[in-house]
């Protein structure tokens, strides 16, 4: 049995370093690529669908395999699976940087997602299982703030690397960061769920992977190339696999996704909030980067600097919001935060050719960053109030999968809803950008409303160790045991 360590001990510091560097590199990759997309498009060619695939290939395997990654960590050791994922992610990053064609880049991104699926679920699960209970809130607050910065600083770092070197360096930069995480992991104790036994749910893993692959392929390709025998077959197989997934889970003795988790109104509602907010976030940031460079004439570095205020706000506020949520419960910040995000996204409709940064971009970025800082820290507490410590990996996988799936669908669907699906590489986005920001704003507002009606008001810190989730900034669960049902 692993003995919990104090945060300020040498072991505690190594745990924080390993989890921040490891998960941070995955979060960084999730945002650093956005600002490099125009440069990638200029070199590899193609239309908007190529750029969608550069993002979606990573999100596809990541979201499809996160549940399996969490389950493997519970069963075979969270540090072990975390380490394997980090190594695979790093090798795939090298493959991305060396890719000679767009097709090779997309394949390498698919492999990156597999590594991320093994890596991401274990970060907060390691903290919550190895750090002493009294230090856990501060530990996750530190993790939240610093990994949040990794995600938010991505556009700035990506822009700088594109301008001074090449888009390939947005992938090469992962290598030294991952190397530091691997060194730190040598000092991290192993943890696992002793009750995780029996055969793995392989068919469930196949079903969810095939289901997402088929449907996403159709969502991206049909608006650009129309219905063909290939896209029709992909859509049919994908839908059939997704329909079959819950049926497989109900019959399996050790399901990949225990459907009983969704009996909790709070667990279901918080994940629905996660889906709407992260769909808005992913789609908006994808198109904002293109708007700044292709419509407003920003270079890559300027586009990255344009969103830097989000980084600063997240750095300053994440820990404070996490501490507040631990005392008051997540309901109010999870309601207010998405609504503030919605206001910021609506203000980003002012980011059009002819506007200045001060009056077109900055106001929306500031308000959006404020809402994001309020929202993301309490998400974990809302989700994990309804799970036990033994469900660390699966709870982490579920919420990770929800957020990544939201981004995957948003990147595929939002351009279609906004009339941007036929936009060529390098072309201005036109009025469709504003429509996309409004759609994203509505999604965020819906997330706030969902949180108000589903998330409990629990304030007391739970007396059991809690697993962690994925987001750029999140906080540990703070909820009365009686609030588990929402």
Protein backbone atom coordinates (compact mmCIF):
# COMPACT_ATOMS: atom_id res chain seq x y z
CA UNK A 1 0.00 0.00 0.00
CA UNK A 2 1.37 3.42 -0.97
CA UNK A 3 1.96 5.83 1.90
CA UNK A 4 0.71 9.34 1.13
CA UNK A 5 3.46 11.95 1.18
CA UNK A 6 3.43 15.61 2.15
CA UNK A 7 3.34 18.12 -0.67
CA UNK A 8 6.41 19.99 0.62
CA UNK A 9 8.53 16.86 0.96
CA UNK A 10 11.07 15.89 -1.68
CA UNK A 11 8.78 13.10 -2.89
CA UNK A 12 5.84 15.49 -3.07
CA UNK A 13 7.79 17.94 -5.19
CA UNK A 14 8.86 15.18 -7.58
CA UNK A 15 5.25 14.05 -7.96
CA UNK A 16 4.10 17.57 -8.79
CA UNK A 17 6.97 18.06 -11.25
CA UNK A 18 6.33 14.76 -13.04
CA UNK A 19 2.59 15.28 -13.38
CA UNK A 20 2.87 18.93 -14.44
CA UNK A 21 5.55 18.26 -17.06
CA UNK A 22 3.90 15.10 -18.40
CA UNK A 23 0.32 16.27 -18.61
CA UNK A 24 1.48 19.78 -19.46
CA UNK A 25 3.14 18.58 -22.66
CA UNK A 26 -0.15 17.00 -23.75
CA UNK A 27 -2.13 20.14 -22.93
CA UNK A 28 0.49 22.29 -24.65
CA UNK A 29 0.22 20.20 -27.79
CA UNK A 30 -3.53 20.60 -27.73
CA UNK A 31 -3.22 24.36 -28.17
CA UNK A 32 0.20 25.03 -29.67
CA UNK A 33 -0.80 23.48 -33.00
CA UNK A 34 -3.67 25.93 -33.59
CA UNK A 35 -1.48 28.90 -34.40
CA UNK A 36 0.73 26.77 -36.70
CA UNK A 37 -2.16 25.61 -38.87
CA UNK A 38 -1.86 28.29 -41.59
CA UNK A 39 1.86 27.55 -41.95
CA UNK A 40 1.16 23.81 -42.07
CA UNK A 41 -1.52 24.40 -44.70
CA UNK A 42 0.83 26.46 -46.86
CA UNK A 43 3.41 23.68 -46.86
CA UNK A 44 1.24 20.57 -47.17
CA UNK A 45 -1.57 22.18 -49.24
CA UNK A 46 -5.22 21.19 -49.34
CA UNK A 47 -8.37 22.89 -48.09
CA UNK A 48 -9.81 23.50 -44.63
CA UNK A 49 -10.46 19.78 -44.17
CA UNK A 50 -6.70 19.11 -44.08
CA UNK A 51 -6.32 21.54 -41.19
CA UNK A 52 -9.32 20.01 -39.47
CA UNK A 53 -7.70 16.60 -39.73
CA UNK A 54 -4.41 17.83 -38.27
CA UNK A 55 -6.36 18.74 -35.14
CA UNK A 56 -8.98 16.00 -35.29
CA UNK A 57 -6.59 13.08 -35.82
CA UNK A 58 -5.05 13.74 -32.41
CA UNK A 59 -8.40 14.34 -30.74
CA UNK A 60 -9.88 11.25 -32.37
CA UNK A 61 -7.57 8.62 -30.87
CA UNK A 62 -7.21 10.62 -27.66
CA UNK A 63 -10.93 10.80 -26.98
CA UNK A 64 -11.62 7.25 -28.17
CA UNK A 65 -8.96 5.61 -26.00
CA UNK A 66 -9.04 7.74 -22.86
CA UNK A 67 -11.43 5.37 -21.12
CA UNK A 68 -9.13 2.46 -21.89
CA UNK A 69 -6.12 4.50 -20.74
CA UNK A 70 -7.75 5.19 -17.38
CA UNK A 71 -8.74 1.55 -16.96
CA UNK A 72 -5.22 0.34 -17.83
CA UNK A 73 -3.75 2.71 -15.25
CA UNK A 74 -6.09 1.44 -12.55
CA UNK A 75 -5.25 -2.16 -13.39
CA UNK A 76 -1.53 -2.19 -14.24
CA UNK A 77 -0.26 0.86 -12.36
CA UNK A 78 -0.85 4.55 -13.02
CA UNK A 79 2.84 5.47 -13.09
CA UNK A 80 3.64 2.61 -15.49
CA UNK A 81 0.89 3.46 -17.96
CA UNK A 82 1.66 7.19 -17.60
CA UNK A 83 5.29 6.50 -18.50
CA UNK A 84 4.41 4.36 -21.52
CA UNK A 85 2.06 7.03 -22.77
CA UNK A 86 4.67 9.73 -22.34
CA UNK A 87 7.27 7.77 -24.32
CA UNK A 88 4.81 7.02 -27.15
CA UNK A 89 3.65 10.63 -27.23
CA UNK A 90 7.24 11.84 -27.48
CA UNK A 91 8.15 9.47 -30.32
CA UNK A 92 5.00 10.48 -32.21
CA UNK A 93 5.92 14.15 -31.70
CA UNK A 94 9.20 13.47 -33.44
CA UNK A 95 7.24 11.79 -36.24
CA UNK A 96 5.02 14.86 -36.58
CA UNK A 97 8.00 17.18 -36.82
CA UNK A 98 9.66 15.01 -39.46
CA UNK A 99 6.50 14.29 -41.49
CA UNK A 100 7.18 14.86 -45.21
CA UNK A 101 3.51 15.10 -46.24
CA UNK A 102 0.14 16.02 -44.83
CA UNK A 103 -0.91 12.37 -44.77
CA UNK A 104 2.20 11.39 -42.79
CA UNK A 105 1.54 14.23 -40.35
CA UNK A 106 -2.04 13.06 -39.81
CA UNK A 107 -0.88 9.48 -39.14
CA UNK A 108 1.69 10.72 -36.62
CA UNK A 109 -1.02 12.80 -34.94
CA UNK A 110 -3.16 9.68 -34.62
CA UNK A 111 -0.29 7.97 -32.79
CA UNK A 112 0.19 11.06 -30.63
CA UNK A 113 -3.40 10.72 -29.53
CA UNK A 114 -2.82 7.10 -28.49
CA UNK A 115 0.09 8.21 -26.31
CA UNK A 116 -1.99 11.03 -24.87
CA UNK A 117 -4.80 8.62 -24.00
CA UNK A 118 -2.37 6.63 -21.84
CA UNK A 119 -0.79 9.75 -20.39
CA UNK A 120 -3.55 12.19 -19.59
CA UNK A 121 -5.84 10.21 -17.24
CA UNK A 122 -3.03 9.42 -14.81
CA UNK A 123 -1.82 12.90 -13.93
CA UNK A 124 -4.29 13.95 -11.26
CA UNK A 125 -4.97 10.34 -10.31
CA UNK A 126 -1.30 10.10 -9.32
CA UNK A 127 -1.55 13.28 -7.25
CA UNK A 128 -4.74 12.26 -5.50
CA UNK A 129 -3.46 8.79 -4.67
CA UNK A 130 0.06 9.77 -3.56
CA UNK A 131 -0.25 13.22 -1.91
CA UNK A 132 -1.50 13.50 1.68
CA UNK A 133 -5.18 14.38 1.95
CA UNK A 134 -4.63 17.69 3.75
CA UNK A 135 -2.25 18.87 1.02
CA UNK A 136 -4.30 17.65 -1.91
CA UNK A 137 -6.20 20.88 -2.55
CA UNK A 138 -3.01 22.92 -2.74
CA UNK A 139 -1.30 20.27 -4.84
CA UNK A 140 -4.04 20.17 -7.45
CA UNK A 141 -4.25 23.95 -7.36
CA UNK A 142 -0.57 24.12 -8.33
CA UNK A 143 -1.10 21.46 -11.00
CA UNK A 144 -4.14 23.32 -12.30
CA UNK A 145 -2.41 26.67 -12.58
CA UNK A 146 0.79 25.45 -14.19
CA UNK A 147 -0.74 22.94 -16.61
CA UNK A 148 -3.31 25.60 -17.44
CA UNK A 149 -0.48 27.90 -18.39
CA UNK A 150 0.99 25.12 -20.56
CA UNK A 151 -2.27 24.97 -22.48
CA UNK A 152 -2.86 28.70 -22.63
CA UNK A 153 0.69 29.63 -23.57
CA UNK A 154 0.54 27.28 -26.55
CA UNK A 155 -0.60 29.86 -29.13
CA UNK A 156 2.16 32.29 -28.10
CA UNK A 157 4.87 29.62 -28.10
CA UNK A 158 3.60 28.15 -31.36
CA UNK A 159 3.58 31.54 -33.06
CA UNK A 160 7.11 32.28 -31.97
CA UNK A 161 8.39 28.90 -33.13
CA UNK A 162 6.66 29.23 -36.51
CA UNK A 163 8.11 32.68 -37.12
CA UNK A 164 11.69 32.07 -35.94
CA UNK A 165 12.05 28.45 -37.09
CA UNK A 166 9.32 26.28 -38.60
CA UNK A 167 5.94 24.79 -37.76
CA UNK A 168 7.82 21.54 -37.20
CA UNK A 169 9.26 22.92 -33.97
CA UNK A 170 5.81 23.06 -32.37
CA UNK A 171 6.22 19.26 -32.20
CA UNK A 172 9.95 19.08 -31.51
CA UNK A 173 9.50 21.27 -28.41
CA UNK A 174 7.68 18.35 -26.75
CA UNK A 175 10.86 16.25 -26.58
CA UNK A 176 12.87 18.11 -23.87
CA UNK A 177 9.75 18.68 -21.76
CA UNK A 178 8.88 14.99 -21.88
CA UNK A 179 12.47 14.09 -21.02
CA UNK A 180 12.21 16.15 -17.84
CA UNK A 181 8.95 14.41 -16.93
CA UNK A 182 10.54 10.97 -17.41
CA UNK A 183 13.39 11.89 -15.07
CA UNK A 184 10.95 13.09 -12.42
CA UNK A 185 8.82 9.95 -12.73
CA UNK A 186 11.67 7.90 -11.30
CA UNK A 187 10.78 9.39 -7.90
CA UNK A 188 7.00 8.86 -8.12
CA UNK A 189 5.44 5.92 -6.24
CA UNK A 190 3.27 3.41 -8.09
CA UNK A 191 -0.48 3.30 -7.40
CA UNK A 192 -3.30 1.13 -8.75
CA UNK A 193 -6.86 0.10 -8.02
CA UNK A 194 -6.69 -3.28 -6.21
CA UNK A 195 -10.26 -4.10 -7.23
CA UNK A 196 -9.56 -3.77 -10.98
CA UNK A 197 -9.55 -7.41 -12.04
CA UNK A 198 -11.06 -9.60 -14.75
CA UNK A 199 -10.75 -9.38 -18.50
CA UNK A 200 -10.48 -6.03 -20.26
CA UNK A 201 -13.36 -4.68 -22.31
CA UNK A 202 -11.62 -5.00 -25.67
CA UNK A 203 -14.81 -5.03 -27.75
CA UNK A 204 -16.03 -1.89 -26.03
CA UNK A 205 -12.73 -0.19 -26.86
CA UNK A 206 -13.03 -1.23 -30.49
CA UNK A 207 -16.64 -0.09 -30.71
CA UNK A 208 -16.04 3.40 -29.37
CA UNK A 209 -12.90 3.86 -31.49
CA UNK A 210 -14.54 2.69 -34.72
CA UNK A 211 -17.69 4.67 -33.90
CA UNK A 212 -15.87 7.95 -33.41
CA UNK A 213 -13.55 7.38 -36.37
CA UNK A 214 -16.40 6.70 -38.78
CA UNK A 215 -18.66 9.53 -37.71
CA UNK A 216 -15.90 12.12 -37.50
CA UNK A 217 -14.57 11.10 -40.92
CA UNK A 218 -18.03 11.70 -42.38
CA UNK A 219 -18.49 15.00 -40.51
CA UNK A 220 -15.25 16.40 -41.90
CA UNK A 221 -15.29 14.95 -45.42
CA UNK A 222 -18.95 15.22 -46.45
CA UNK A 223 -19.20 19.07 -46.31
CA UNK A 224 -16.13 19.35 -48.54
CA UNK A 225 -16.34 16.34 -50.84
CA UNK A 226 -19.98 15.30 -50.57
CA UNK A 227 -21.48 11.88 -50.02
CA UNK A 228 -19.40 9.15 -51.62
CA UNK A 229 -19.48 5.38 -51.08
CA UNK A 230 -16.56 5.80 -48.65
CA UNK A 231 -18.11 8.58 -46.55
CA UNK A 232 -21.50 6.83 -46.52
CA UNK A 233 -19.92 3.56 -45.36
CA UNK A 234 -17.89 5.37 -42.71
CA UNK A 235 -20.96 7.13 -41.37
CA UNK A 236 -23.02 3.93 -41.30
CA UNK A 237 -20.32 1.89 -39.57
CA UNK A 238 -19.56 4.72 -37.15
CA UNK A 239 -23.17 5.20 -36.09
CA UNK A 240 -23.71 1.45 -35.75
CA UNK A 241 -20.62 1.11 -33.55
CA UNK A 242 -21.66 4.02 -31.31
CA UNK A 243 -25.15 2.55 -30.92
CA UNK A 244 -23.63 -0.82 -30.09
CA UNK A 245 -21.19 0.58 -27.52
CA UNK A 246 -23.64 0.95 -24.58
CA UNK A 247 -25.12 -2.46 -25.40
CA UNK A 248 -21.64 -4.00 -25.12
CA UNK A 249 -21.04 -2.15 -21.86
CA UNK A 250 -24.26 -3.42 -20.29
CA UNK A 251 -23.29 -7.05 -20.99
CA UNK A 252 -19.58 -6.91 -20.06
CA UNK A 253 -18.61 -7.96 -16.50
CA UNK A 254 -15.86 -5.29 -16.38
CA UNK A 255 -17.12 -2.58 -18.72
CA UNK A 256 -14.86 0.14 -20.05
CA UNK A 257 -17.54 2.64 -19.09
CA UNK A 258 -19.74 1.76 -16.15
CA UNK A 259 -23.12 3.16 -17.14
CA UNK A 260 -24.09 3.21 -13.46
CA UNK A 261 -21.96 6.35 -13.10
CA UNK A 262 -24.61 8.25 -15.02
CA UNK A 263 -27.26 7.46 -12.42
CA UNK A 264 -25.87 10.48 -10.58
CA UNK A 265 -27.54 13.63 -11.86
CA UNK A 266 -24.47 15.61 -10.84
CA UNK A 267 -22.05 13.36 -12.70
CA UNK A 268 -24.20 13.49 -15.83
CA UNK A 269 -24.87 17.22 -15.58
CA UNK A 270 -21.26 18.17 -14.95
CA UNK A 271 -20.13 16.12 -17.95
CA UNK A 272 -22.79 17.75 -20.12
CA UNK A 273 -21.48 21.12 -18.95
CA UNK A 274 -17.97 19.97 -19.80
CA UNK A 275 -19.12 18.98 -23.27
CA UNK A 276 -20.79 22.30 -24.09
CA UNK A 277 -18.02 24.50 -22.67
CA UNK A 278 -15.19 22.57 -24.28
CA UNK A 279 -16.99 22.37 -27.61
CA UNK A 280 -17.24 26.15 -27.57
CA UNK A 281 -13.64 26.55 -26.41
CA UNK A 282 -12.09 24.21 -28.98
CA UNK A 283 -14.08 25.44 -31.96
CA UNK A 284 -13.63 29.11 -31.11
CA UNK A 285 -9.85 28.93 -30.58
CA UNK A 286 -9.43 26.90 -33.78
CA UNK A 287 -11.22 29.54 -35.85
CA UNK A 288 -9.83 32.55 -33.95
CA UNK A 289 -6.29 31.55 -34.88
CA UNK A 290 -7.30 31.30 -38.55
CA UNK A 291 -9.21 34.59 -38.38
CA UNK A 292 -6.27 36.50 -36.93
CA UNK A 293 -3.83 35.22 -39.55
CA UNK A 294 -5.93 34.65 -42.68
CA UNK A 295 -8.47 37.46 -42.33
CA UNK A 296 -6.75 40.14 -40.24
CA UNK A 297 -3.16 39.76 -41.48
CA UNK A 298 -1.45 38.83 -38.20
CA UNK A 299 1.75 36.80 -38.43
CA UNK A 300 1.99 33.65 -36.32
CA UNK A 301 3.75 35.32 -33.39
CA UNK A 302 1.29 38.22 -33.28
CA UNK A 303 -1.60 35.76 -33.34
CA UNK A 304 -0.06 33.93 -30.40
CA UNK A 305 0.51 37.14 -28.43
CA UNK A 306 -3.09 38.16 -29.09
CA UNK A 307 -4.34 35.39 -26.81
CA UNK A 308 -1.60 35.80 -24.18
CA UNK A 309 -3.97 37.58 -21.75
CA UNK A 310 -5.78 34.26 -21.32
CA UNK A 311 -2.52 32.77 -20.04
CA UNK A 312 -1.98 35.58 -17.58
CA UNK A 313 -5.52 35.45 -16.23
CA UNK A 314 -5.35 31.67 -15.83
CA UNK A 315 -2.02 31.91 -14.01
CA UNK A 316 -3.27 34.55 -11.59
CA UNK A 317 -6.72 33.14 -10.88
CA UNK A 318 -6.67 29.34 -11.19
CA UNK A 319 -5.33 28.58 -7.72
CA UNK A 320 -7.60 31.16 -6.07
CA UNK A 321 -10.71 29.90 -7.83
CA UNK A 322 -9.81 26.31 -6.96
CA UNK A 323 -9.42 27.22 -3.28
CA UNK A 324 -12.73 29.11 -3.32
CA UNK A 325 -14.53 26.18 -4.92
CA UNK A 326 -13.09 23.88 -2.27
CA UNK A 327 -14.75 26.03 0.42
CA UNK A 328 -18.04 26.92 -1.28
CA UNK A 329 -18.71 24.12 -3.72
CA UNK A 330 -18.54 24.18 -7.53
CA UNK A 331 -22.11 25.11 -8.45
CA UNK A 332 -21.86 28.91 -8.54
CA UNK A 333 -18.51 29.20 -10.35
CA UNK A 334 -19.56 26.53 -12.84
CA UNK A 335 -22.68 28.57 -13.57
CA UNK A 336 -21.14 32.03 -13.67
CA UNK A 337 -17.96 31.04 -15.51
CA UNK A 338 -19.56 29.68 -18.70
CA UNK A 339 -21.87 32.68 -18.92
CA UNK A 340 -18.88 35.04 -18.68
CA UNK A 341 -17.17 32.91 -21.35
CA UNK A 342 -20.25 33.32 -23.55
CA UNK A 343 -20.08 37.09 -23.24
CA UNK A 344 -16.40 37.04 -24.20
CA UNK A 345 -17.05 34.85 -27.23
CA UNK A 346 -19.84 37.14 -28.38
CA UNK A 347 -17.43 40.08 -28.06
CA UNK A 348 -14.96 38.27 -30.31
CA UNK A 349 -17.33 38.91 -33.21
CA UNK A 350 -15.69 42.36 -33.17
CA UNK A 351 -12.43 40.74 -34.37
CA UNK A 352 -12.84 41.56 -38.05
CA UNK A 353 -10.62 43.08 -40.74
CA UNK A 354 -10.26 46.81 -40.10
CA UNK A 355 -10.56 46.56 -36.32
CA UNK A 356 -7.57 47.10 -34.07
CA UNK A 357 -6.35 44.69 -31.44
CA UNK A 358 -7.48 47.03 -28.67
CA UNK A 359 -11.08 47.36 -29.85
CA UNK A 360 -11.57 44.13 -31.81
CA UNK A 361 -9.69 41.33 -30.07
CA UNK A 362 -8.56 42.28 -26.58
CA UNK A 363 -11.98 42.90 -24.94
CA UNK A 364 -13.30 39.50 -25.94
CA UNK A 365 -10.06 37.75 -25.00
CA UNK A 366 -10.04 39.35 -21.54
CA UNK A 367 -13.65 38.47 -20.75
CA UNK A 368 -13.31 34.99 -22.19
CA UNK A 369 -10.13 34.37 -20.17
CA UNK A 370 -11.88 35.52 -17.00
CA UNK A 371 -14.79 33.17 -17.60
CA UNK A 372 -12.47 30.29 -18.38
CA UNK A 373 -10.51 30.81 -15.16
CA UNK A 374 -13.74 30.79 -13.18
CA UNK A 375 -15.07 27.69 -14.93
CA UNK A 376 -12.34 25.11 -15.28
CA UNK A 377 -10.99 24.84 -11.74
CA UNK A 378 -14.27 23.61 -10.15
CA UNK A 379 -15.11 21.10 -12.91
CA UNK A 380 -13.29 18.22 -11.25
CA UNK A 381 -15.00 18.78 -7.93
CA UNK A 382 -18.41 18.60 -9.58
CA UNK A 383 -17.65 15.44 -11.54
CA UNK A 384 -15.80 13.55 -8.82
CA UNK A 385 -18.31 14.22 -6.05
CA UNK A 386 -20.22 11.19 -7.34
CA UNK A 387 -17.39 8.66 -7.65
CA UNK A 388 -15.27 6.66 -5.21
CA UNK A 389 -11.50 6.51 -4.98
CA UNK A 390 -11.48 3.12 -6.69
CA UNK A 391 -12.99 4.71 -9.79
CA UNK A 392 -10.05 7.11 -10.19
CA UNK A 393 -8.97 5.99 -13.64
CA UNK A 394 -12.41 5.52 -15.14
CA UNK A 395 -13.74 8.83 -13.82
CA UNK A 396 -10.68 10.57 -15.18
CA UNK A 397 -11.15 8.83 -18.51
CA UNK A 398 -14.84 9.68 -18.78
CA UNK A 399 -14.44 13.40 -18.24
CA UNK A 400 -11.28 13.55 -20.33
CA UNK A 401 -13.09 11.75 -23.13
CA UNK A 402 -16.07 14.09 -22.88
CA UNK A 403 -13.92 17.22 -23.20
CA UNK A 404 -11.82 15.83 -26.05
CA UNK A 405 -14.87 14.48 -27.83
CA UNK A 406 -16.41 17.93 -27.53
CA UNK A 407 -13.39 19.46 -29.23
CA UNK A 408 -13.36 16.76 -31.88
CA UNK A 409 -17.00 17.31 -32.82
CA UNK A 410 -16.74 21.08 -32.61
CA UNK A 411 -13.76 21.32 -34.96
CA UNK A 412 -15.66 19.10 -37.42
CA UNK A 413 -19.11 20.69 -37.13
CA UNK A 414 -18.65 24.37 -36.24
CA UNK A 415 -17.17 25.36 -39.63
CA UNK A 416 -20.16 23.68 -41.31
CA UNK A 417 -22.68 25.53 -39.14
CA UNK A 418 -20.91 28.81 -39.88
CA UNK A 419 -20.67 28.19 -43.64
CA UNK A 420 -16.87 27.81 -43.60
CA UNK A 421 -16.52 24.19 -44.73
CA UNK A 422 -15.39 25.09 -48.27
CA UNK A 423 -12.86 27.72 -47.23
CA UNK A 424 -9.52 27.15 -48.92
CA UNK A 425 -6.22 27.15 -47.11
CA UNK A 426 -5.17 30.75 -46.47
CA UNK A 427 -8.53 32.26 -47.45
CA UNK A 428 -10.30 34.86 -45.29
CA UNK A 429 -13.13 33.48 -43.18
CA UNK A 430 -15.59 36.32 -43.82
CA UNK A 431 -18.90 36.60 -41.99
CA UNK A 432 -18.78 32.94 -41.02
CA UNK A 433 -16.32 33.71 -38.23
CA UNK A 434 -18.81 35.91 -36.40
CA UNK A 435 -21.52 33.29 -36.77
CA UNK A 436 -19.17 30.67 -35.33
CA UNK A 437 -18.41 32.85 -32.29
CA UNK A 438 -22.12 33.33 -31.61
CA UNK A 439 -22.77 29.60 -31.85
CA UNK A 440 -19.91 29.02 -29.40
CA UNK A 441 -21.31 31.67 -27.07
CA UNK A 442 -24.69 29.94 -26.99
CA UNK A 443 -23.01 26.63 -26.19
CA UNK A 444 -21.17 28.17 -23.24
CA UNK A 445 -24.33 29.76 -21.88
CA UNK A 446 -26.14 26.42 -22.12
CA UNK A 447 -23.32 24.88 -20.11
CA UNK A 448 -23.81 27.42 -17.33
CA UNK A 449 -27.53 26.72 -17.18
CA UNK A 450 -26.91 22.97 -17.03
CA UNK A 451 -24.47 23.43 -14.16
CA UNK A 452 -26.98 25.45 -12.13
CA UNK A 453 -29.63 22.72 -12.34
CA UNK A 454 -27.40 19.66 -11.90
CA UNK A 455 -24.36 20.49 -9.75
CA UNK A 456 -24.74 20.20 -5.97
CA UNK A 457 -23.87 22.81 -3.36
CA UNK A 458 -21.46 20.59 -1.38
CA UNK A 459 -18.82 22.46 0.65
CA UNK A 460 -17.10 19.93 2.87
CA UNK A 461 -13.96 18.22 1.67
CA UNK A 462 -14.67 14.56 1.09
CA UNK A 463 -12.94 12.16 3.42
CA UNK A 464 -11.78 9.79 0.67
CA UNK A 465 -8.98 10.27 -1.88
CA UNK A 466 -10.24 11.53 -5.20
CA UNK A 467 -9.06 10.98 -8.75
CA UNK A 468 -8.34 13.80 -11.14
CA UNK A 469 -9.36 14.82 -14.60
CA UNK A 470 -7.95 16.41 -17.66
CA UNK A 471 -8.72 20.01 -18.13
CA UNK A 472 -6.32 22.85 -18.50
CA UNK A 473 -7.16 23.93 -14.94
CA UNK A 474 -9.11 21.86 -12.42
CA UNK A 475 -9.44 21.41 -8.71
CA UNK A 476 -10.04 18.47 -6.40
CA UNK A 477 -13.47 17.35 -5.38
CA UNK A 478 -15.04 19.25 -2.51
CA UNK A 479 -18.41 17.85 -1.71
CA UNK A 480 -20.41 16.29 1.09
CA UNK A 481 -20.86 12.57 0.66
CA UNK A 482 -24.58 13.17 0.74
CA UNK A 483 -24.34 15.24 -2.40
CA UNK A 484 -23.08 12.37 -4.53
CA UNK A 485 -26.42 12.09 -6.25
CA UNK A 486 -26.34 15.76 -7.24
